[in-house]
Every structure is written in structure tokens, then in C-alpha cells.
C-alpha atoms as a PDB file:
ATOM      1  CA  MET A   1       0.000   0.000   0.000  1.00  0.00           C
ATOM      2  CA  SER A   2       1.473   3.393  -0.992  1.00  0.00           C
ATOM      3  CA  GLU A   3       1.598   6.360   1.354  1.00  0.00           C
ATOM      4  CA  LYS A   4      -0.538   9.386   0.671  1.00  0.00           C
ATOM      5  CA  PRO A   5       1.510  12.518  -0.080  1.00  0.00           C
ATOM      6  CA  THR A   6       1.677  15.138   2.685  1.00  0.00           C
ATOM      7  CA  LYS A   7       1.558  17.867   0.035  1.00  0.00           C
ATOM      8  CA  ILE A   8      -0.364  17.786  -3.198  1.00  0.00           C
ATOM      9  CA  GLU A   9       1.616  19.270  -6.078  1.00  0.00           C
ATOM     10  CA  PHE A  10      -0.106  21.001  -8.995  1.00  0.00           C
ATOM     11  CA  GLU A  11       0.723  21.872 -12.572  1.00  0.00           C
ATOM     12  CA  ILE A  12      -0.746  25.268 -13.557  1.00  0.00           C
ATOM     13  CA  LEU A  13      -3.063  24.983 -16.560  1.00  0.00           C
ATOM     14  CA  ASP A  14      -3.762  27.700 -19.126  1.00  0.00           C
ATOM     15  CA  TYR A  15      -7.379  28.257 -20.126  1.00  0.00           C
ATOM     16  CA  LYS A  16      -9.524  30.183 -22.585  1.00  0.00           C
ATOM     17  CA  ARG A  17     -13.041  31.562 -22.260  1.00  0.00           C
ATOM     18  CA  LEU A  18     -15.580  29.660 -24.348  1.00  0.00           C
ATOM     19  CA  GLU A  19     -18.616  31.924 -24.103  1.00  0.00           C
ATOM     20  CA  ASN A  20     -19.642  35.520 -23.349  1.00  0.00           C
ATOM     21  CA  ASP A  21     -17.732  37.581 -20.792  1.00  0.00           C
ATOM     22  CA  PHE A  22     -20.824  38.754 -18.872  1.00  0.00           C
ATOM     23  CA  VAL A  23     -24.284  37.536 -17.961  1.00  0.00           C
ATOM     24  CA  SER A  24     -26.557  40.598 -17.862  1.00  0.00           C
ATOM     25  CA  PHE A  25     -29.750  41.204 -15.915  1.00  0.00           C
ATOM     26  CA  LYS A  26     -32.143  44.158 -16.271  1.00  0.00           C
ATOM     27  CA  LEU A  27     -33.861  45.211 -13.037  1.00  0.00           C
ATOM     28  CA  GLU A  28     -37.381  46.637 -13.044  1.00  0.00           C
ATOM     29  CA  ASP A  29     -36.006  50.144 -12.354  1.00  0.00           C
ATOM     30  CA  GLY A  30     -33.965  49.964 -15.569  1.00  0.00           C
ATOM     31  CA  THR A  31     -30.642  49.224 -13.873  1.00  0.00           C
ATOM     32  CA  VAL A  32     -28.464  46.682 -15.681  1.00  0.00           C
ATOM     33  CA  VAL A  33     -26.374  44.302 -13.559  1.00  0.00           C
ATOM     34  CA  LYS A  34     -23.562  42.500 -15.374  1.00  0.00           C
ATOM     35  CA  VAL A  35     -21.888  39.517 -13.721  1.00  0.00           C
ATOM     36  CA  LYS A  36     -18.568  38.098 -14.909  1.00  0.00           C
ATOM     37  CA  VAL A  37     -17.099  34.916 -13.477  1.00  0.00           C
ATOM     38  CA  ASP A  38     -13.435  34.446 -14.182  1.00  0.00           C
ATOM     39  CA  LEU A  39     -10.724  31.985 -13.285  1.00  0.00           C
ATOM     40  CA  ASP A  40      -7.754  33.289 -11.328  1.00  0.00           C
ATOM     41  CA  ARG A  41      -5.730  30.095 -11.394  1.00  0.00           C
ATOM     42  CA  VAL A  42      -6.302  26.462 -12.341  1.00  0.00           C
ATOM     43  CA  GLY A  43      -4.065  23.589 -11.331  1.00  0.00           C
ATOM     44  CA  LYS A  44      -4.146  19.845 -11.904  1.00  0.00           C
ATOM     45  CA  ALA A  45      -2.593  17.619  -9.240  1.00  0.00           C
ATOM     46  CA  THR A  46       0.512  15.792 -10.418  1.00  0.00           C
ATOM     47  CA  ASN A  47       0.923  13.459  -7.445  1.00  0.00           C
ATOM     48  CA  TYR A  48      -2.674  12.835  -6.367  1.00  0.00           C
ATOM     49  CA  LYS A  49      -5.953  11.583  -7.859  1.00  0.00           C
ATOM     50  CA  ASN A  50      -9.478  11.602  -6.473  1.00  0.00           C
ATOM     51  CA  PRO A  51     -10.608   8.368  -4.760  1.00  0.00           C
ATOM     52  CA  ASP A  52     -12.447   7.346  -7.959  1.00  0.00           C
ATOM     53  CA  GLY A  53      -9.242   7.757 -10.005  1.00  0.00           C
ATOM     54  CA  THR A  54     -10.217  11.002 -11.755  1.00  0.00           C
ATOM     55  CA  PRO A  55      -7.824  13.969 -11.856  1.00  0.00           C
ATOM     56  CA  HIS A  56      -7.875  16.378  -8.918  1.00  0.00           C
ATOM     57  CA  TYR A  57      -8.085  20.111  -9.725  1.00  0.00           C
ATOM     58  CA  ALA A  58      -7.592  23.267  -7.654  1.00  0.00           C
ATOM     59  CA  ILE A  59      -9.532  26.194  -9.109  1.00  0.00           C
ATOM     60  CA  SER A  60      -9.540  29.804  -7.850  1.00  0.00           C
ATOM     61  CA  THR A  61     -12.362  31.991  -9.147  1.00  0.00           C
ATOM     62  CA  ALA A  62     -13.281  35.677  -9.121  1.00  0.00           C
ATOM     63  CA  ILE A  63     -16.638  37.381  -9.599  1.00  0.00           C
ATOM     64  CA  LYS A  64     -16.872  40.885 -11.047  1.00  0.00           C
ATOM     65  CA  LEU A  65     -20.072  42.934 -10.819  1.00  0.00           C
ATOM     66  CA  SER A  66     -20.786  45.893 -13.063  1.00  0.00           C
ATOM     67  CA  ILE A  67     -23.871  47.959 -12.248  1.00  0.00           C
ATOM     68  CA  VAL A  68     -25.109  50.461 -14.839  1.00  0.00           C
ATOM     69  CA  PRO A  69     -27.877  52.785 -13.589  1.00  0.00           C
ATOM     70  CA  PRO A  70     -30.604  53.807 -16.076  1.00  0.00           C
ATOM     71  CA  ASP A  71     -29.143  57.326 -16.500  1.00  0.00           C
ATOM     72  CA  LYS A  72     -25.619  55.866 -16.949  1.00  0.00           C
ATOM     73  CA  LYS A  73     -24.172  58.399 -14.462  1.00  0.00           C
ATOM     74  CA  PHE A  74     -22.114  57.933 -11.307  1.00  0.00           C
ATOM     75  CA  SER A  75     -19.938  59.951  -8.958  1.00  0.00           C
ATOM     76  CA  VAL A  76     -16.807  59.435  -6.873  1.00  0.00           C
ATOM     77  CA  GLU A  77     -15.282  61.360  -3.997  1.00  0.00           C
ATOM     78  CA  LYS A  78     -12.860  63.984  -5.321  1.00  0.00           C
ATOM     79  CA  LYS A  79     -10.158  62.771  -2.925  1.00  0.00           C
ATOM     80  CA  SER A  80     -10.247  59.311  -4.546  1.00  0.00           C
ATOM     81  CA  VAL A  81      -9.056  60.671  -7.920  1.00  0.00           C
ATOM     82  CA  LYS A  82      -5.271  60.427  -8.297  1.00  0.00           C
ATOM     83  CA  GLY A  83      -3.462  63.711  -8.827  1.00  0.00           C
ATOM     84  CA  THR A  84      -6.160  65.926  -7.292  1.00  0.00           C
ATOM     85  CA  ASN A  85      -5.079  68.457  -4.707  1.00  0.00           C
ATOM     86  CA  THR A  86      -7.495  69.874  -2.159  1.00  0.00           C
ATOM     87  CA  GLN A  87      -5.203  72.854  -1.445  1.00  0.00           C
ATOM     88  CA  PRO A  88      -4.943  75.824  -3.841  1.00  0.00           C
ATOM     89  CA  PRO A  89      -1.525  76.085  -5.596  1.00  0.00           C
ATOM     90  CA  GLY A  90       1.148  77.706  -3.411  1.00  0.00           C
ATOM     91  CA  GLN A  91      -0.752  77.012  -0.182  1.00  0.00           C
ATOM     92  CA  MET A  92       0.230  73.432   0.548  1.00  0.00           C
ATOM     93  CA  PHE A  93       1.722  74.281   3.976  1.00  0.00           C
ATOM     94  CA  SER A  94       0.431  76.574   6.705  1.00  0.00           C
END
């Protein structure tokens, strides 16, 4: 009987998207919600198989939401924009 490995080693697999990037939903107020599921990393075990003999995979996923209001407008705090200065020129120190 062979010993089970203490660490499972993985080979990183490349992948390609087969279908659309987003699934879109339209809410009754006209807002569109777009959902994108993506893979961060996929690996296939090189020294381990599932109990039924099939390959063992490790898959990391990410979900991205995009919300588009009916008027297609949004706002952000001025301080969150890079390069903005809240002080007038020449008055950075008091």
C-alpha cells in the first residue's frame, strides 16, 4: 500500500473563455447588472488523484459585478481621484 503525499503538487493549466464575458440582468427600475465569473488560477494535481481515479483540480475563481444605472451616471469622492489636490496652488503648507 502506498503512502498518501503530505503535500499535493499542482501543474498550472492555461485556459480560454468559451462563451460571453458577462451575464446581464435588467432590473425593473432599468438598472443593468452584469456579472462576470473568471478563473484566477487552475491547477491539476501531479501526485494525487481523487478516490475514484479522476484527476484532482484546484480552481480559484473571481466574480466581477458591473452595475449600470438607467441614466448611466455615477460619482466618486474627489479625494479618490489620483493627482487631485485639495489645497490651492502655493498654499500646501500653513
